Amino acid sequence: MMIKNGRFGSGVPDANWGLNDGVGDRVFTQHIDFGEDLSDVPAVVMGITELESTFDPIRVAVEPKNINLRGFDAEIRTWSDTHVLSCSGFWLASTS
């Protein structure tokens, strides 16, 4: 078994952020590199530790995408008229 962990996140003023304006589905993606190839494709979980928004209700989701031996894409998503100023958290990857 191998376990890797780290942090993800971003927000204003990152030019690629884009979750702080507009309406409808919007996504920010941050690539996470494990630093070394793992022996198997891991299971990845993500958790939010910080979220800043001026809207109520706050609509936000985080999900690992494109998981492989080298890393994954951490996706932060919002929808409707919610504006997210920043979001960050942790990730944990584990092989069996």
Protein backbone atom coordinates (compact mmCIF):
# COMPACT_ATOMS: atom_id res chain seq x y z
CA MET A 1 0.00 0.00 0.00
CA MET A 2 1.21 3.50 -0.83
CA ILE A 3 -0.37 6.74 0.42
CA LYS A 4 0.24 10.24 -0.95
CA ASN A 5 -1.37 13.45 0.22
CA GLY A 6 -1.32 17.17 -0.45
CA ARG A 7 -3.33 20.32 -0.94
CA PHE A 8 -5.26 21.85 -3.82
CA GLY A 9 -6.90 25.20 -4.36
CA SER A 10 -6.95 28.62 -5.92
CA GLY A 11 -9.11 31.70 -6.27
CA VAL A 12 -9.10 35.35 -7.20
CA PRO A 13 -6.76 36.80 -8.59
CA ASP A 14 -5.75 33.63 -10.56
CA ALA A 15 -6.50 34.50 -14.20
CA ASN A 16 -7.75 30.93 -14.82
CA TRP A 17 -10.13 30.89 -11.82
CA GLY A 18 -13.37 32.01 -13.51
CA LEU A 19 -15.73 30.83 -10.72
CA ASN A 20 -16.30 34.34 -9.38
CA ASP A 21 -18.47 35.63 -12.22
CA GLY A 22 -21.04 34.49 -14.75
CA VAL A 23 -23.89 32.01 -14.41
CA GLY A 24 -24.34 28.34 -15.20
CA ASP A 25 -21.80 25.53 -14.87
CA ARG A 26 -18.20 26.71 -14.37
CA VAL A 27 -15.12 24.59 -13.63
CA PHE A 28 -11.58 25.26 -12.41
CA THR A 29 -9.08 22.41 -12.86
CA GLN A 30 -5.71 22.09 -11.12
CA HIS A 31 -3.36 19.26 -12.09
CA ILE A 32 -1.85 17.37 -9.15
CA ASP A 33 1.40 15.45 -9.69
CA PHE A 34 2.25 12.67 -7.20
CA GLY A 35 5.98 13.34 -7.64
CA GLU A 36 6.62 9.72 -8.61
CA ASP A 37 4.70 7.05 -10.50
CA LEU A 38 2.62 4.83 -8.24
CA SER A 39 2.51 1.06 -8.75
CA ASP A 40 -1.29 1.03 -9.22
CA VAL A 41 -3.92 3.63 -10.05
CA PRO A 42 -4.95 4.97 -6.63
CA ALA A 43 -8.29 5.79 -5.09
CA VAL A 44 -8.38 9.56 -4.48
CA VAL A 45 -10.53 11.51 -2.02
CA MET A 46 -10.74 15.29 -1.69
CA GLY A 47 -12.05 17.50 1.10
CA ILE A 48 -12.72 21.23 1.32
CA THR A 49 -10.99 23.14 4.13
CA GLU A 50 -11.59 26.73 2.94
CA LEU A 51 -14.35 28.26 0.84
CA GLU A 52 -15.07 31.94 0.23
CA SER A 53 -18.25 33.12 -1.42
CA THR A 54 -20.62 36.07 -1.07
CA PHE A 55 -23.63 34.13 -2.36
CA ASP A 56 -26.37 32.19 -0.57
CA PRO A 57 -26.84 29.36 -1.21
CA ILE A 58 -23.25 28.34 -1.92
CA ARG A 59 -23.05 25.68 -4.62
CA VAL A 60 -19.63 24.05 -4.95
CA ALA A 61 -18.31 20.55 -5.59
CA VAL A 62 -14.80 19.09 -5.70
CA GLU A 63 -13.94 15.88 -7.52
CA PRO A 64 -10.79 14.06 -8.67
CA LYS A 65 -10.76 13.44 -12.44
CA ASN A 66 -8.41 11.67 -14.87
CA ILE A 67 -6.71 9.66 -12.10
CA ASN A 68 -3.62 7.77 -13.25
CA LEU A 69 -0.24 6.51 -11.95
CA ARG A 70 1.33 10.00 -12.11
CA GLY A 71 -1.42 12.22 -10.71
CA PHE A 72 -4.92 13.54 -11.29
CA ASP A 73 -6.92 16.68 -12.02
CA ALA A 74 -8.55 18.35 -9.02
CA GLU A 75 -11.83 19.82 -10.26
CA ILE A 76 -13.62 22.61 -8.39
CA ARG A 77 -17.08 23.28 -9.81
CA THR A 78 -19.95 25.70 -9.22
CA TRP A 79 -23.26 26.27 -10.99
CA SER A 80 -26.32 28.51 -11.22
CA ASP A 81 -25.60 32.09 -10.05
CA THR A 82 -23.12 31.20 -7.26
CA HIS A 83 -19.84 33.14 -7.29
CA VAL A 84 -16.89 31.46 -5.54
CA LEU A 85 -13.95 33.71 -4.66
CA SER A 86 -11.64 30.91 -3.49
CA CYS A 87 -11.66 27.25 -2.55
CA SER A 88 -8.92 25.00 -1.17
CA GLY A 89 -8.58 21.69 0.55
CA PHE A 90 -6.69 18.43 0.87
CA TRP A 91 -6.40 15.26 -1.16
CA LEU A 92 -5.40 11.73 -0.23
CA ALA A 93 -4.42 9.04 -2.74
CA SER A 94 -4.06 5.38 -1.74
CA THR A 95 -3.16 2.24 -3.64
CA SER A 96 -4.24 -1.19 -2.35
